[in-house]
Amino acid sequence: MASPQDEFMKLFSEFKMPAMPDMSAFAEAQKRNIEALTAANKLAMEGAQAVARRNMEIMQQAMGEMSEAVQSMASQEAPAAKAARQAEMMKAAYEKAVANMQEISELIQKSNGEALGVLNARFTAAMEEVKGLVVKA
């Protein structure tokens, strides 16, 4: 009668270990992953900076326009004409605000799309690498 240790050793010796992956290929793949993350992060940061710059430009422009509007409203004209001009200025301000929001939205979308494109390309390449490693094993 075989001892439990003998049975375990027999069972263990029949157990086939999967082939070890190529560690240098694995390290290179991880390096490419980190490079892709770094590139995506850089694109995201550049996009955020572009959005912040444009936001600042919009605010400066809005302040200048508001200053002009206040000065123009100080003129001596009939209340009906002043009210009509105020309504026109409000309409123009609203349309400009909508256009500015759309522009900022497009900037954000473009930035996110570029960063995501880098990550998607790396993910696709990584899946091909995994397939290649599995085929070798």
N, C-alpha and C. Protein backbone atom coordinates (compact mmCIF):
# COMPACT_ATOMS: atom_id res chain seq x y z
N MET A 1 0.84 -1.19 0.00
CA MET A 1 0.00 0.00 0.00
C MET A 1 0.88 1.25 0.00
N ALA A 2 0.56 2.16 -0.89
CA ALA A 2 1.38 3.37 -1.05
C ALA A 2 0.98 4.38 0.02
N SER A 3 1.97 5.10 0.48
CA SER A 3 1.71 6.12 1.50
C SER A 3 1.09 7.35 0.84
N PRO A 4 0.45 8.19 1.63
CA PRO A 4 -0.15 9.40 1.06
C PRO A 4 0.88 10.29 0.35
N GLN A 5 2.11 10.31 0.92
CA GLN A 5 3.14 11.13 0.28
C GLN A 5 3.50 10.57 -1.10
N ASP A 6 3.56 9.21 -1.20
CA ASP A 6 3.87 8.60 -2.50
C ASP A 6 2.78 8.91 -3.52
N GLU A 7 1.54 8.81 -3.08
CA GLU A 7 0.42 9.11 -3.99
C GLU A 7 0.45 10.57 -4.43
N PHE A 8 0.76 11.43 -3.49
CA PHE A 8 0.84 12.85 -3.82
C PHE A 8 1.96 13.11 -4.82
N MET A 9 3.12 12.50 -4.59
CA MET A 9 4.26 12.68 -5.50
C MET A 9 3.94 12.15 -6.89
N LYS A 10 3.23 11.00 -6.93
CA LYS A 10 2.85 10.43 -8.22
C LYS A 10 1.89 11.38 -8.95
N LEU A 11 0.91 11.86 -8.22
CA LEU A 11 -0.05 12.79 -8.81
C LEU A 11 0.64 14.07 -9.26
N PHE A 12 1.54 14.58 -8.43
CA PHE A 12 2.25 15.81 -8.74
C PHE A 12 3.16 15.64 -9.96
N SER A 13 3.78 14.48 -10.09
CA SER A 13 4.68 14.24 -11.23
C SER A 13 3.89 14.12 -12.53
N GLU A 14 2.62 13.72 -12.47
CA GLU A 14 1.80 13.63 -13.66
C GLU A 14 1.21 14.99 -14.07
N PHE A 15 1.22 15.90 -13.14
CA PHE A 15 0.68 17.24 -13.39
C PHE A 15 1.61 17.99 -14.33
N LYS A 16 1.08 18.50 -15.41
CA LYS A 16 1.91 19.22 -16.38
C LYS A 16 1.77 20.72 -16.14
N MET A 17 2.88 21.33 -15.93
CA MET A 17 2.91 22.78 -15.73
C MET A 17 2.82 23.46 -17.09
N PRO A 18 2.07 24.55 -17.17
CA PRO A 18 2.04 25.27 -18.45
C PRO A 18 3.43 25.84 -18.73
N ALA A 19 3.70 26.06 -19.99
CA ALA A 19 4.99 26.62 -20.39
C ALA A 19 5.12 28.02 -19.81
N MET A 20 6.29 28.32 -19.34
CA MET A 20 6.53 29.65 -18.78
C MET A 20 6.58 30.66 -19.93
N PRO A 21 5.95 31.78 -19.74
CA PRO A 21 5.99 32.78 -20.80
C PRO A 21 7.40 33.36 -20.94
N ASP A 22 7.64 33.89 -22.08
CA ASP A 22 8.91 34.55 -22.34
C ASP A 22 8.93 35.84 -21.51
N MET A 23 9.74 35.84 -20.46
CA MET A 23 9.73 36.98 -19.53
C MET A 23 10.22 38.27 -20.18
N SER A 24 11.16 38.16 -21.12
CA SER A 24 11.63 39.39 -21.78
C SER A 24 10.51 39.97 -22.66
N ALA A 25 9.74 39.10 -23.32
CA ALA A 25 8.61 39.58 -24.12
C ALA A 25 7.55 40.19 -23.21
N PHE A 26 7.34 39.56 -22.06
CA PHE A 26 6.38 40.08 -21.09
C PHE A 26 6.82 41.46 -20.59
N ALA A 27 8.11 41.60 -20.28
CA ALA A 27 8.64 42.89 -19.80
C ALA A 27 8.52 43.96 -20.89
N GLU A 28 8.81 43.59 -22.13
CA GLU A 28 8.68 44.54 -23.24
C GLU A 28 7.22 44.98 -23.42
N ALA A 29 6.31 44.02 -23.28
CA ALA A 29 4.88 44.35 -23.41
C ALA A 29 4.46 45.32 -22.32
N GLN A 30 4.94 45.09 -21.10
CA GLN A 30 4.60 46.00 -20.00
C GLN A 30 5.20 47.39 -20.25
N LYS A 31 6.39 47.41 -20.81
CA LYS A 31 7.03 48.69 -21.14
C LYS A 31 6.17 49.44 -22.16
N ARG A 32 5.70 48.73 -23.18
CA ARG A 32 4.84 49.38 -24.20
C ARG A 32 3.52 49.83 -23.57
N ASN A 33 2.99 49.06 -22.62
CA ASN A 33 1.76 49.47 -21.93
C ASN A 33 1.98 50.79 -21.19
N ILE A 34 3.09 50.87 -20.48
CA ILE A 34 3.39 52.09 -19.71
C ILE A 34 3.62 53.27 -20.66
N GLU A 35 4.30 53.01 -21.78
CA GLU A 35 4.51 54.08 -22.76
C GLU A 35 3.17 54.58 -23.32
N ALA A 36 2.26 53.65 -23.58
CA ALA A 36 0.93 54.04 -24.10
C ALA A 36 0.17 54.84 -23.06
N LEU A 37 0.23 54.41 -21.81
CA LEU A 37 -0.45 55.16 -20.73
C LEU A 37 0.15 56.55 -20.58
N THR A 38 1.47 56.63 -20.68
CA THR A 38 2.14 57.93 -20.57
C THR A 38 1.73 58.85 -21.72
N ALA A 39 1.69 58.29 -22.94
CA ALA A 39 1.28 59.10 -24.10
C ALA A 39 -0.16 59.55 -23.97
N ALA A 40 -1.03 58.66 -23.52
CA ALA A 40 -2.45 59.02 -23.35
C ALA A 40 -2.60 60.09 -22.27
N ASN A 41 -1.85 59.94 -21.19
CA ASN A 41 -1.91 60.93 -20.12
C ASN A 41 -1.40 62.29 -20.61
N LYS A 42 -0.34 62.28 -21.42
CA LYS A 42 0.19 63.53 -21.96
C LYS A 42 -0.85 64.20 -22.85
N LEU A 43 -1.51 63.41 -23.71
CA LEU A 43 -2.55 63.97 -24.57
C LEU A 43 -3.71 64.54 -23.75
N ALA A 44 -4.09 63.83 -22.70
CA ALA A 44 -5.18 64.30 -21.85
C ALA A 44 -4.80 65.62 -21.16
N MET A 45 -3.56 65.69 -20.68
CA MET A 45 -3.10 66.93 -20.02
C MET A 45 -3.03 68.09 -21.01
N GLU A 46 -2.53 67.83 -22.21
CA GLU A 46 -2.47 68.88 -23.23
C GLU A 46 -3.88 69.35 -23.58
N GLY A 47 -4.81 68.41 -23.65
CA GLY A 47 -6.20 68.76 -23.92
C GLY A 47 -6.80 69.60 -22.81
N ALA A 48 -6.51 69.21 -21.57
CA ALA A 48 -7.03 69.97 -20.42
C ALA A 48 -6.44 71.39 -20.42
N GLN A 49 -5.16 71.51 -20.77
CA GLN A 49 -4.54 72.83 -20.83
C GLN A 49 -5.16 73.68 -21.95
N ALA A 50 -5.44 73.06 -23.08
CA ALA A 50 -6.07 73.78 -24.19
C ALA A 50 -7.47 74.26 -23.78
N VAL A 51 -8.20 73.41 -23.08
CA VAL A 51 -9.54 73.79 -22.61
C VAL A 51 -9.43 74.95 -21.62
N ALA A 52 -8.48 74.87 -20.70
CA ALA A 52 -8.31 75.94 -19.71
C ALA A 52 -7.92 77.25 -20.38
N ARG A 53 -6.99 77.17 -21.36
CA ARG A 53 -6.59 78.39 -22.09
C ARG A 53 -7.78 79.02 -22.81
N ARG A 54 -8.53 78.17 -23.50
CA ARG A 54 -9.68 78.69 -24.25
C ARG A 54 -10.73 79.26 -23.31
N ASN A 55 -10.94 78.60 -22.19
CA ASN A 55 -11.88 79.10 -21.18
C ASN A 55 -11.46 80.49 -20.71
N MET A 56 -10.16 80.66 -20.47
CA MET A 56 -9.65 81.96 -20.02
C MET A 56 -9.86 83.01 -21.11
N GLU A 57 -9.59 82.66 -22.36
CA GLU A 57 -9.81 83.59 -23.47
C GLU A 57 -11.28 84.00 -23.55
N ILE A 58 -12.16 83.04 -23.39
CA ILE A 58 -13.60 83.31 -23.44
C ILE A 58 -13.99 84.25 -22.30
N MET A 59 -13.46 84.00 -21.11
CA MET A 59 -13.79 84.87 -19.96
C MET A 59 -13.29 86.29 -20.17
N GLN A 60 -12.06 86.43 -20.69
CA GLN A 60 -11.52 87.77 -20.94
C GLN A 60 -12.35 88.50 -21.99
N GLN A 61 -12.73 87.77 -23.03
CA GLN A 61 -13.56 88.36 -24.08
C GLN A 61 -14.92 88.77 -23.51
N ALA A 62 -15.50 87.92 -22.68
CA ALA A 62 -16.81 88.22 -22.09
C ALA A 62 -16.74 89.45 -21.18
N MET A 63 -15.65 89.57 -20.43
CA MET A 63 -15.49 90.74 -19.56
C MET A 63 -15.39 92.02 -20.38
N GLY A 64 -14.64 91.96 -21.48
CA GLY A 64 -14.52 93.13 -22.36
C GLY A 64 -15.86 93.50 -22.95
N GLU A 65 -16.61 92.51 -23.40
CA GLU A 65 -17.93 92.77 -23.98
C GLU A 65 -18.90 93.31 -22.93
N MET A 66 -18.80 92.79 -21.70
CA MET A 66 -19.69 93.27 -20.65
C MET A 66 -19.38 94.73 -20.30
N SER A 67 -18.10 95.06 -20.29
CA SER A 67 -17.70 96.45 -20.02
C SER A 67 -18.24 97.38 -21.10
N GLU A 68 -18.14 96.96 -22.36
CA GLU A 68 -18.68 97.76 -23.47
C GLU A 68 -20.19 97.90 -23.35
N ALA A 69 -20.84 96.82 -22.95
CA ALA A 69 -22.30 96.85 -22.83
C ALA A 69 -22.74 97.82 -21.74
N VAL A 70 -22.04 97.81 -20.62
CA VAL A 70 -22.39 98.73 -19.52
C VAL A 70 -22.20 100.17 -19.98
N GLN A 71 -21.12 100.44 -20.68
CA GLN A 71 -20.88 101.80 -21.18
C GLN A 71 -21.95 102.23 -22.18
N SER A 72 -22.34 101.30 -23.05
CA SER A 72 -23.34 101.67 -24.06
C SER A 72 -24.71 101.87 -23.43
N MET A 73 -24.99 101.23 -22.32
CA MET A 73 -26.29 101.37 -21.67
C MET A 73 -26.40 102.69 -20.89
N ALA A 74 -25.26 103.33 -20.67
CA ALA A 74 -25.27 104.59 -19.93
C ALA A 74 -25.68 105.78 -20.81
N SER A 75 -25.92 105.53 -22.07
CA SER A 75 -26.27 106.63 -22.99
C SER A 75 -27.69 107.15 -22.70
N GLN A 76 -27.93 108.36 -23.15
CA GLN A 76 -29.23 108.99 -22.98
C GLN A 76 -30.09 108.67 -24.20
N GLU A 77 -30.96 107.69 -24.06
CA GLU A 77 -31.87 107.38 -25.17
C GLU A 77 -33.22 106.97 -24.57
N ALA A 78 -34.18 106.84 -25.43
CA ALA A 78 -35.54 106.53 -24.98
C ALA A 78 -35.56 105.14 -24.33
N PRO A 79 -36.40 104.97 -23.30
CA PRO A 79 -36.47 103.69 -22.61
C PRO A 79 -36.83 102.53 -23.54
N ALA A 80 -37.68 102.77 -24.52
CA ALA A 80 -38.06 101.69 -25.43
C ALA A 80 -36.86 101.26 -26.27
N ALA A 81 -36.08 102.20 -26.74
CA ALA A 81 -34.90 101.88 -27.55
C ALA A 81 -33.86 101.16 -26.68
N LYS A 82 -33.72 101.61 -25.43
CA LYS A 82 -32.78 100.98 -24.51
C LYS A 82 -33.20 99.54 -24.23
N ALA A 83 -34.48 99.31 -24.04
CA ALA A 83 -34.99 97.96 -23.77
C ALA A 83 -34.77 97.06 -24.99
N ALA A 84 -34.99 97.60 -26.17
CA ALA A 84 -34.77 96.82 -27.40
C ALA A 84 -33.30 96.45 -27.54
N ARG A 85 -32.42 97.40 -27.25
CA ARG A 85 -30.98 97.13 -27.34
C ARG A 85 -30.56 96.11 -26.29
N GLN A 86 -31.15 96.21 -25.08
CA GLN A 86 -30.84 95.23 -24.03
C GLN A 86 -31.26 93.82 -24.47
N ALA A 87 -32.44 93.72 -25.06
CA ALA A 87 -32.93 92.41 -25.52
C ALA A 87 -32.01 91.86 -26.61
N GLU A 88 -31.57 92.73 -27.49
CA GLU A 88 -30.67 92.31 -28.56
C GLU A 88 -29.32 91.85 -27.99
N MET A 89 -28.82 92.59 -27.01
CA MET A 89 -27.55 92.23 -26.37
C MET A 89 -27.67 90.90 -25.62
N MET A 90 -28.81 90.69 -24.97
CA MET A 90 -29.02 89.43 -24.23
C MET A 90 -29.08 88.26 -25.19
N LYS A 91 -29.76 88.47 -26.32
CA LYS A 91 -29.85 87.40 -27.32
C LYS A 91 -28.46 87.07 -27.86
N ALA A 92 -27.67 88.09 -28.19
CA ALA A 92 -26.31 87.88 -28.70
C ALA A 92 -25.43 87.19 -27.65
N ALA A 93 -25.58 87.59 -26.40
CA ALA A 93 -24.79 86.99 -25.32
C ALA A 93 -25.15 85.51 -25.15
N TYR A 94 -26.45 85.22 -25.24
CA TYR A 94 -26.89 83.83 -25.11
C TYR A 94 -26.33 82.98 -26.25
N GLU A 95 -26.44 83.48 -27.47
CA GLU A 95 -25.95 82.73 -28.63
C GLU A 95 -24.44 82.51 -28.54
N LYS A 96 -23.74 83.53 -28.08
CA LYS A 96 -22.28 83.40 -27.92
C LYS A 96 -21.95 82.39 -26.83
N ALA A 97 -22.69 82.39 -25.73
CA ALA A 97 -22.45 81.43 -24.65
C ALA A 97 -22.67 80.00 -25.13
N VAL A 98 -23.72 79.78 -25.91
CA VAL A 98 -24.00 78.44 -26.45
C VAL A 98 -22.87 78.02 -27.38
N ALA A 99 -22.42 78.93 -28.24
CA ALA A 99 -21.32 78.62 -29.17
C ALA A 99 -20.04 78.31 -28.41
N ASN A 100 -19.77 79.08 -27.36
CA ASN A 100 -18.58 78.84 -26.54
C ASN A 100 -18.64 77.49 -25.85
N MET A 101 -19.81 77.14 -25.30
CA MET A 101 -19.95 75.83 -24.65
C MET A 101 -19.74 74.71 -25.65
N GLN A 102 -20.27 74.90 -26.85
CA GLN A 102 -20.10 73.88 -27.88
C GLN A 102 -18.63 73.75 -28.26
N GLU A 103 -17.94 74.86 -28.37
CA GLU A 103 -16.51 74.83 -28.70
C GLU A 103 -15.71 74.11 -27.61
N ILE A 104 -15.98 74.43 -26.36
CA ILE A 104 -15.29 73.77 -25.24
C ILE A 104 -15.61 72.28 -25.24
N SER A 105 -16.85 71.94 -25.47
CA SER A 105 -17.25 70.54 -25.52
C SER A 105 -16.50 69.79 -26.62
N GLU A 106 -16.36 70.42 -27.78
CA GLU A 106 -15.64 69.80 -28.89
C GLU A 106 -14.15 69.63 -28.56
N LEU A 107 -13.57 70.62 -27.88
CA LEU A 107 -12.17 70.50 -27.46
C LEU A 107 -11.98 69.32 -26.51
N ILE A 108 -12.89 69.19 -25.56
CA ILE A 108 -12.81 68.08 -24.59
C ILE A 108 -12.98 66.75 -25.30
N GLN A 109 -13.95 66.69 -26.19
CA GLN A 109 -14.22 65.46 -26.93
C GLN A 109 -13.02 65.06 -27.78
N LYS A 110 -12.39 66.03 -28.43
CA LYS A 110 -11.22 65.76 -29.26
C LYS A 110 -10.08 65.23 -28.41
N SER A 111 -9.84 65.88 -27.30
CA SER A 111 -8.75 65.46 -26.41
C SER A 111 -8.99 64.05 -25.88
N ASN A 112 -10.19 63.78 -25.43
CA ASN A 112 -10.51 62.45 -24.92
C ASN A 112 -10.40 61.40 -26.02
N GLY A 113 -10.83 61.75 -27.22
CA GLY A 113 -10.75 60.81 -28.34
C GLY A 113 -9.32 60.46 -28.69
N GLU A 114 -8.43 61.46 -28.67
CA GLU A 114 -7.03 61.20 -28.97
C GLU A 114 -6.40 60.29 -27.92
N ALA A 115 -6.65 60.59 -26.65
CA ALA A 115 -6.08 59.77 -25.57
C ALA A 115 -6.64 58.35 -25.62
N LEU A 116 -7.93 58.24 -25.85
CA LEU A 116 -8.55 56.91 -25.92
C LEU A 116 -8.05 56.14 -27.14
N GLY A 117 -7.78 56.84 -28.23
CA GLY A 117 -7.24 56.18 -29.42
C GLY A 117 -5.90 55.53 -29.15
N VAL A 118 -5.04 56.22 -28.40
CA VAL A 118 -3.74 55.64 -28.03
C VAL A 118 -3.93 54.38 -27.19
N LEU A 119 -4.84 54.46 -26.22
CA LEU A 119 -5.08 53.29 -25.36
C LEU A 119 -5.70 52.14 -26.13
N ASN A 120 -6.64 52.44 -27.02
CA ASN A 120 -7.26 51.38 -27.82
C ASN A 120 -6.25 50.70 -28.73
N ALA A 121 -5.37 51.48 -29.34
CA ALA A 121 -4.35 50.91 -30.21
C ALA A 121 -3.43 49.99 -29.42
N ARG A 122 -3.06 50.42 -28.22
CA ARG A 122 -2.17 49.58 -27.40
C ARG A 122 -2.90 48.32 -26.94
N PHE A 123 -4.17 48.44 -26.59
CA PHE A 123 -4.93 47.27 -26.16
C PHE A 123 -5.01 46.25 -27.29
N THR A 124 -5.27 46.73 -28.50
CA THR A 124 -5.35 45.83 -29.65
C THR A 124 -4.01 45.15 -29.88
N ALA A 125 -2.94 45.91 -29.81
CA ALA A 125 -1.60 45.33 -29.98
C ALA A 125 -1.30 44.33 -28.87
N ALA A 126 -1.70 44.65 -27.65
CA ALA A 126 -1.46 43.74 -26.52
C ALA A 126 -2.20 42.42 -26.71
N MET A 127 -3.41 42.49 -27.22
CA MET A 127 -4.17 41.25 -27.45
C MET A 127 -3.49 40.39 -28.52
N GLU A 128 -2.93 41.04 -29.53
CA GLU A 128 -2.18 40.30 -30.56
C GLU A 128 -0.93 39.67 -29.95
N GLU A 129 -0.27 40.39 -29.06
CA GLU A 129 0.91 39.85 -28.40
C GLU A 129 0.55 38.63 -27.55
N VAL A 130 -0.56 38.73 -26.83
CA VAL A 130 -1.01 37.61 -25.99
C VAL A 130 -1.31 36.41 -26.88
N LYS A 131 -1.97 36.63 -27.99
CA LYS A 131 -2.24 35.54 -28.93
C LYS A 131 -0.95 34.89 -29.38
N GLY A 132 0.04 35.72 -29.70
CA GLY A 132 1.33 35.21 -30.14
C GLY A 132 2.03 34.39 -29.07
N LEU A 133 1.93 34.83 -27.82
CA LEU A 133 2.55 34.09 -26.73
C LEU A 133 1.85 32.76 -26.49
N VAL A 134 0.53 32.76 -26.62
CA VAL A 134 -0.23 31.52 -26.40
C VAL A 134 0.08 30.50 -27.49
N VAL A 135 0.20 30.99 -28.71
CA VAL A 135 0.51 30.09 -29.82
C VAL A 135 1.89 29.46 -29.63
N LYS A 136 2.85 30.24 -29.13
CA LYS A 136 4.21 29.71 -28.88
C LYS A 136 4.22 28.65 -27.79
N ALA A 137 3.33 28.81 -26.79
CA ALA A 137 3.35 27.92 -25.64
C ALA A 137 2.79 26.56 -25.93
